[in-house]
C-alpha atoms as a PDB file:
ATOM      1  CA  MET A   1       0.013  -0.347   0.129  1.00  0.00           C
ATOM      2  CA  PHE A   2       2.810   2.032   0.853  1.00  0.00           C
ATOM      3  CA  ALA A   3       5.625   1.136  -1.618  1.00  0.00           C
ATOM      4  CA  ASN A   4       5.168   3.427  -4.137  1.00  0.00           C
ATOM      5  CA  ASP A   5       4.459   6.589  -1.891  1.00  0.00           C
ATOM      6  CA  PRO A   6       6.925   9.307  -2.410  1.00  0.00           C
ATOM      7  CA  ASP A   7       6.741  10.793   0.915  1.00  0.00           C
ATOM      8  CA  ARG A   8       7.483   7.534   2.507  1.00  0.00           C
ATOM      9  CA  ASN A   9      10.266   6.297   0.794  1.00  0.00           C
ATOM     10  CA  ALA A  10      11.926   9.856   0.307  1.00  0.00           C
ATOM     11  CA  ALA A  11      15.238  10.604   3.039  1.00  0.00           C
ATOM     12  CA  PRO A  12      14.603  13.121   5.484  1.00  0.00           C
ATOM     13  CA  SER A  13      15.325  16.807   4.406  1.00  0.00           C
ATOM     14  CA  PRO A  14      18.344  18.579   5.559  1.00  0.00           C
ATOM     15  CA  ALA A  15      15.941  20.795   7.690  1.00  0.00           C
ATOM     16  CA  GLN A  16      14.513  17.488   9.235  1.00  0.00           C
ATOM     17  CA  ASN A  17      17.781  16.128  10.222  1.00  0.00           C
ATOM     18  CA  GLY A  18      18.632  19.971  11.343  1.00  0.00           C
ATOM     19  CA  ALA A  19      15.381  19.699  13.620  1.00  0.00           C
ATOM     20  CA  PHE A  20      16.021  16.172  14.767  1.00  0.00           C
ATOM     21  CA  LEU A  21      19.742  16.561  15.880  1.00  0.00           C
ATOM     22  CA  GLU A  22      18.769  20.230  17.528  1.00  0.00           C
ATOM     23  CA  GLU A  23      16.255  18.353  19.608  1.00  0.00           C
ATOM     24  CA  LYS A  24      18.639  15.197  20.494  1.00  0.00           C
ATOM     25  CA  THR A  25      21.503  17.920  21.621  1.00  0.00           C
ATOM     26  CA  PHE A  26      18.979  19.972  23.716  1.00  0.00           C
ATOM     27  CA  ARG A  27      17.712  16.627  25.547  1.00  0.00           C
ATOM     28  CA  ALA A  28      20.929  15.804  25.738  1.00  0.00           C
ATOM     29  CA  ARG A  29      21.421  19.357  27.686  1.00  0.00           C
ATOM     30  CA  THR A  30      24.299  20.356  25.506  1.00  0.00           C
ATOM     31  CA  VAL A  31      25.181  23.220  23.965  1.00  0.00           C
ATOM     32  CA  LEU A  32      27.346  23.493  20.806  1.00  0.00           C
ATOM     33  CA  VAL A  33      29.284  26.803  20.068  1.00  0.00           C
ATOM     34  CA  PHE A  34      31.402  26.438  16.832  1.00  0.00           C
ATOM     35  CA  GLY A  35      33.222  28.728  14.317  1.00  0.00           C
ATOM     36  CA  THR A  36      33.121  32.275  15.068  1.00  0.00           C
ATOM     37  CA  ILE A  37      31.503  34.736  17.839  1.00  0.00           C
ATOM     38  CA  THR A  38      28.956  37.128  16.330  1.00  0.00           C
ATOM     39  CA  ASP A  39      26.156  38.716  17.995  1.00  0.00           C
ATOM     40  CA  ALA A  40      23.993  35.824  16.342  1.00  0.00           C
ATOM     41  CA  THR A  41      26.139  33.163  18.014  1.00  0.00           C
ATOM     42  CA  ALA A  42      25.638  34.932  21.264  1.00  0.00           C
ATOM     43  CA  SER A  43      21.734  35.080  20.834  1.00  0.00           C
ATOM     44  CA  GLU A  44      21.534  31.691  19.977  1.00  0.00           C
ATOM     45  CA  THR A  45      23.633  30.235  22.688  1.00  0.00           C
ATOM     46  CA  VAL A  46      22.367  32.662  25.215  1.00  0.00           C
ATOM     47  CA  ARG A  47      18.492  31.378  24.267  1.00  0.00           C
ATOM     48  CA  ARG A  48      19.466  27.866  24.482  1.00  0.00           C
ATOM     49  CA  LEU A  49      21.445  28.369  27.876  1.00  0.00           C
ATOM     50  CA  LEU A  50      18.076  29.985  29.702  1.00  0.00           C
ATOM     51  CA  ALA A  51      15.796  27.425  28.086  1.00  0.00           C
ATOM     52  CA  LEU A  52      17.700  24.716  29.524  1.00  0.00           C
ATOM     53  CA  ASP A  53      18.228  26.563  32.888  1.00  0.00           C
ATOM     54  CA  ALA A  54      14.381  27.117  32.892  1.00  0.00           C
ATOM     55  CA  GLU A  55      14.025  23.621  32.420  1.00  0.00           C
ATOM     56  CA  SER A  56      16.107  22.291  35.050  1.00  0.00           C
ATOM     57  CA  ASP A  57      19.041  22.918  37.870  1.00  0.00           C
ATOM     58  CA  ALA A  58      21.107  19.591  35.873  1.00  0.00           C
ATOM     59  CA  PRO A  59      24.492  20.367  34.634  1.00  0.00           C
ATOM     60  CA  ILE A  60      24.518  21.968  30.943  1.00  0.00           C
ATOM     61  CA  ASN A  61      27.748  20.633  28.660  1.00  0.00           C
ATOM     62  CA  MET A  62      29.131  23.505  26.470  1.00  0.00           C
ATOM     63  CA  ILE A  63      31.292  22.116  24.020  1.00  0.00           C
ATOM     64  CA  VAL A  64      33.357  25.309  22.426  1.00  0.00           C
ATOM     65  CA  SER A  65      35.681  24.971  19.420  1.00  0.00           C
ATOM     66  CA  SER A  66      36.070  28.367  17.979  1.00  0.00           C
ATOM     67  CA  PRO A  67      38.674  30.878  17.026  1.00  0.00           C
ATOM     68  CA  GLY A  68      36.984  34.184  18.463  1.00  0.00           C
ATOM     69  CA  GLY A  69      35.136  37.042  17.201  1.00  0.00           C
ATOM     70  CA  HIS A  70      33.113  39.714  18.580  1.00  0.00           C
ATOM     71  CA  LEU A  71      34.512  40.372  22.225  1.00  0.00           C
ATOM     72  CA  GLU A  72      31.220  41.634  23.413  1.00  0.00           C
ATOM     73  CA  SER A  73      29.706  38.805  21.986  1.00  0.00           C
ATOM     74  CA  GLY A  74      31.830  36.500  23.848  1.00  0.00           C
ATOM     75  CA  ASP A  75      30.985  38.357  27.444  1.00  0.00           C
ATOM     76  CA  ALA A  76      27.239  37.960  27.004  1.00  0.00           C
ATOM     77  CA  ILE A  77      27.776  34.508  26.863  1.00  0.00           C
ATOM     78  CA  HIS A  78      30.451  34.660  29.659  1.00  0.00           C
ATOM     79  CA  ASP A  79      28.248  36.629  31.534  1.00  0.00           C
ATOM     80  CA  VAL A  80      24.855  34.422  31.100  1.00  0.00           C
ATOM     81  CA  VAL A  81      26.585  31.602  32.021  1.00  0.00           C
ATOM     82  CA  ARG A  82      27.607  32.637  35.477  1.00  0.00           C
ATOM     83  CA  PHE A  83      24.321  34.303  35.788  1.00  0.00           C
ATOM     84  CA  ILE A  84      21.807  30.972  35.406  1.00  0.00           C
ATOM     85  CA  CYS A  85      21.320  28.369  38.178  1.00  0.00           C
ATOM     86  CA  ALA A  86      22.298  25.349  36.141  1.00  0.00           C
ATOM     87  CA  PRO A  87      26.066  24.591  35.981  1.00  0.00           C
ATOM     88  CA  VAL A  88      27.605  24.613  33.095  1.00  0.00           C
ATOM     89  CA  ASN A  89      30.560  21.976  32.116  1.00  0.00           C
ATOM     90  CA  MET A  90      32.524  23.990  29.523  1.00  0.00           C
ATOM     91  CA  VAL A  91      34.292  21.480  27.241  1.00  0.00           C
ATOM     92  CA  GLY A  92      37.201  22.746  24.749  1.00  0.00           C
ATOM     93  CA  THR A  93      38.010  21.131  21.537  1.00  0.00           C
ATOM     94  CA  GLY A  94      39.882  21.624  18.238  1.00  0.00           C
ATOM     95  CA  TRP A  95      41.111  25.383  19.126  1.00  0.00           C
ATOM     96  CA  VAL A  96      39.493  28.095  22.018  1.00  0.00           C
ATOM     97  CA  GLY A  97      40.843  31.211  20.869  1.00  0.00           C
ATOM     98  CA  SER A  98      40.551  35.057  21.913  1.00  0.00           C
ATOM     99  CA  ALA A  99      36.597  35.719  22.470  1.00  0.00           C
ATOM    100  CA  ALA A 100      35.937  32.295  22.828  1.00  0.00           C
ATOM    101  CA  THR A 101      38.688  31.664  25.412  1.00  0.00           C
ATOM    102  CA  HIS A 102      36.386  34.389  27.040  1.00  0.00           C
ATOM    103  CA  LEU A 103      33.261  32.658  27.200  1.00  0.00           C
ATOM    104  CA  TYR A 104      35.020  29.719  28.059  1.00  0.00           C
ATOM    105  CA  LEU A 105      36.376  31.489  31.321  1.00  0.00           C
ATOM    106  CA  GLY A 106      32.809  31.965  32.177  1.00  0.00           C
ATOM    107  CA  ALA A 107      32.588  28.622  34.005  1.00  0.00           C
ATOM    108  CA  PRO A 108      34.246  27.732  37.670  1.00  0.00           C
ATOM    109  CA  ARG A 109      37.962  26.486  37.158  1.00  0.00           C
ATOM    110  CA  GLU A 110      36.284  23.119  38.331  1.00  0.00           C
ATOM    111  CA  ARG A 111      34.262  22.860  35.665  1.00  0.00           C
ATOM    112  CA  ARG A 112      36.511  23.538  32.590  1.00  0.00           C
ATOM    113  CA  PHE A 113      37.551  20.751  30.407  1.00  0.00           C
ATOM    114  CA  CYS A 114      39.083  20.197  27.218  1.00  0.00           C
ATOM    115  CA  LEU A 115      39.726  16.963  24.975  1.00  0.00           C
ATOM    116  CA  PRO A 116      43.129  16.282  24.590  1.00  0.00           C
ATOM    117  CA  GLN A 117      43.993  18.169  20.870  1.00  0.00           C
ATOM    118  CA  THR A 118      42.666  21.316  22.008  1.00  0.00           C
ATOM    119  CA  ARG A 119      44.907  24.704  21.485  1.00  0.00           C
ATOM    120  CA  PHE A 120      44.131  27.832  23.343  1.00  0.00           C
ATOM    121  CA  LEU A 121      44.415  31.421  22.654  1.00  0.00           C
ATOM    122  CA  ILE A 122      44.884  34.123  24.718  1.00  0.00           C
ATOM    123  CA  HIS A 123      45.772  37.627  22.914  1.00  0.00           C
ATOM    124  CA  GLN A 124      45.003  41.357  23.762  1.00  0.00           C
ATOM    125  CA  PRO A 125      42.110  42.974  21.656  1.00  0.00           C
ATOM    126  CA  SER A 126      42.328  44.271  18.348  1.00  0.00           C
ATOM    127  CA  GLY A 127      40.804  47.232  16.733  1.00  0.00           C
ATOM    128  CA  GLY A 128      40.616  48.430  12.738  1.00  0.00           C
ATOM    129  CA  ALA A 129      39.202  51.974  13.474  1.00  0.00           C
ATOM    130  CA  GLY A 130      39.339  54.536  10.533  1.00  0.00           C
ATOM    131  CA  GLY A 131      37.377  57.755  10.203  1.00  0.00           C
ATOM    132  CA  PRO A 132      38.448  61.204  12.037  1.00  0.00           C
ATOM    133  CA  ALA A 133      41.442  61.484  14.560  1.00  0.00           C
ATOM    134  CA  SER A 134      39.369  62.201  17.851  1.00  0.00           C
ATOM    135  CA  ASP A 135      37.439  58.803  16.738  1.00  0.00           C
ATOM    136  CA  ILE A 136      40.560  56.745  16.285  1.00  0.00           C
ATOM    137  CA  ALA A 137      41.734  58.152  19.700  1.00  0.00           C
ATOM    138  CA  ILE A 138      38.671  57.162  21.194  1.00  0.00           C
ATOM    139  CA  HIS A 139      38.647  53.614  20.044  1.00  0.00           C
ATOM    140  CA  ALA A 140      42.204  53.416  20.803  1.00  0.00           C
ATOM    141  CA  ARG A 141      41.185  54.217  24.533  1.00  0.00           C
ATOM    142  CA  GLU A 142      38.550  51.492  24.417  1.00  0.00           C
ATOM    143  CA  ILE A 143      41.015  48.999  23.098  1.00  0.00           C
ATOM    144  CA  VAL A 144      43.340  49.650  26.275  1.00  0.00           C
ATOM    145  CA  LYS A 145      40.302  49.044  28.520  1.00  0.00           C
ATOM    146  CA  ALA A 146      39.366  46.046  26.722  1.00  0.00           C
ATOM    147  CA  ARG A 147      42.545  45.027  27.292  1.00  0.00           C
ATOM    148  CA  GLU A 148      42.948  45.264  31.082  1.00  0.00           C
ATOM    149  CA  ARG A 149      39.561  43.918  31.357  1.00  0.00           C
ATOM    150  CA  ILE A 150      40.293  40.813  29.681  1.00  0.00           C
ATOM    151  CA  ALA A 151      43.527  40.597  31.189  1.00  0.00           C
ATOM    152  CA  ARG A 152      41.816  40.661  34.886  1.00  0.00           C
ATOM    153  CA  VAL A 153      39.455  38.000  33.999  1.00  0.00           C
ATOM    154  CA  ILE A 154      42.071  35.833  32.953  1.00  0.00           C
ATOM    155  CA  ALA A 155      43.828  36.552  35.727  1.00  0.00           C
ATOM    156  CA  ARG A 156      41.155  36.110  37.831  1.00  0.00           C
ATOM    157  CA  GLU A 157      40.239  32.535  36.596  1.00  0.00           C
ATOM    158  CA  SER A 158      43.331  30.846  35.958  1.00  0.00           C
ATOM    159  CA  GLY A 159      45.495  32.286  39.553  1.00  0.00           C
ATOM    160  CA  GLN A 160      48.085  33.733  37.443  1.00  0.00           C
ATOM    161  CA  PRO A 161      49.495  37.235  38.715  1.00  0.00           C
ATOM    162  CA  LEU A 162      47.809  40.143  36.373  1.00  0.00           C
ATOM    163  CA  ASP A 163      51.332  41.352  35.442  1.00  0.00           C
ATOM    164  CA  ARG A 164      52.266  38.009  33.837  1.00  0.00           C
ATOM    165  CA  VAL A 165      48.823  37.738  31.925  1.00  0.00           C
ATOM    166  CA  LEU A 166      49.346  41.078  30.448  1.00  0.00           C
ATOM    167  CA  ALA A 167      52.935  40.457  29.321  1.00  0.00           C
ATOM    168  CA  ASP A 168      51.175  37.246  27.709  1.00  0.00           C
ATOM    169  CA  ILE A 169      48.807  39.110  25.783  1.00  0.00           C
ATOM    170  CA  GLU A 170      50.825  41.452  24.210  1.00  0.00           C
ATOM    171  CA  ARG A 171      51.255  38.941  21.321  1.00  0.00           C
ATOM    172  CA  ASP A 172      48.870  35.855  20.305  1.00  0.00           C
ATOM    173  CA  HIS A 173      49.988  32.924  23.030  1.00  0.00           C
ATOM    174  CA  TRP A 174      49.189  29.862  21.968  1.00  0.00           C
ATOM    175  CA  MET A 175      48.787  26.809  24.621  1.00  0.00           C
ATOM    176  CA  PRO A 176      48.341  23.184  24.083  1.00  0.00           C
ATOM    177  CA  ALA A 177      45.963  21.034  26.354  1.00  0.00           C
ATOM    178  CA  GLU A 178      48.624  20.432  28.948  1.00  0.00           C
ATOM    179  CA  GLU A 179      50.107  23.771  29.155  1.00  0.00           C
ATOM    180  CA  ALA A 180      46.524  25.460  29.161  1.00  0.00           C
ATOM    181  CA  VAL A 181      46.073  22.707  32.614  1.00  0.00           C
ATOM    182  CA  ALA A 182      49.117  23.930  34.032  1.00  0.00           C
ATOM    183  CA  TYR A 183      48.505  28.102  33.380  1.00  0.00           C
ATOM    184  CA  GLY A 184      44.906  27.552  35.408  1.00  0.00           C
ATOM    185  CA  LEU A 185      42.710  28.057  31.735  1.00  0.00           C
ATOM    186  CA  VAL A 186      41.785  23.974  32.251  1.00  0.00           C
ATOM    187  CA  SER A 187      40.810  21.828  35.044  1.00  0.00           C
ATOM    188  CA  ARG A 188      41.403  18.361  33.469  1.00  0.00           C
ATOM    189  CA  ILE A 189      42.287  16.958  29.939  1.00  0.00           C
ATOM    190  CA  ILE A 190      39.097  14.211  29.207  1.00  0.00           C
ATOM    191  CA  GLU A 191      38.769  11.959  26.627  1.00  0.00           C
ATOM    192  CA  ARG A 192      35.397  10.544  27.168  1.00  0.00           C
ATOM    193  CA  ARG A 193      31.926  12.083  28.630  1.00  0.00           C
ATOM    194  CA  GLY A 194      31.491   9.911  31.352  1.00  0.00           C
ATOM    195  CA  GLU A 195      34.797  11.876  32.580  1.00  0.00           C
ATOM    196  CA  LEU A 196      32.594  15.035  33.313  1.00  0.00           C
ATOM    197  CA  ALA A 197      30.799  13.169  36.335  1.00  0.00           C
ATOM    198  CA  ALA A 198      33.804  12.014  37.804  1.00  0.00           C
END
């Protein structure tokens, strides 16, 4: 009866597969942050965190693989991770750089993990302001303020002295997983999901 029904034999559309995977991820209390951090990324991530927090106080697992992006978008995620009641297990994979490192540090140190091949990048913010000299001067002052703010967060969350962090972020400072643990960015390197509960 259904043998020739095209709807029955058709493969699921990409949209159907996407919706299925989104639902599975949500039910697993997992939030994915991949790619460049933008205001759209922040909006979607914050929406998911708030929805999961409203549903239960059970831990949320956030998996991060991002080169960074817009600092204030990273700020939004960082602050909401600290704002909600449900604890967030932060899991780095691939690379966690710049604004992504900043949002990663939103979780307390004991809940910051990474997979073995993860690399971390800390550095000072950059800007490309143009226009009148007075506007460029304003942007420069704001970049200096952002640099100091980022350094204070890294120092607070890693336990490193502020002077060392300020020196380290002068240029790109890359760390493989083991160095990130020694620096204080990461609590533990894990290989299996079950280790999150250990």
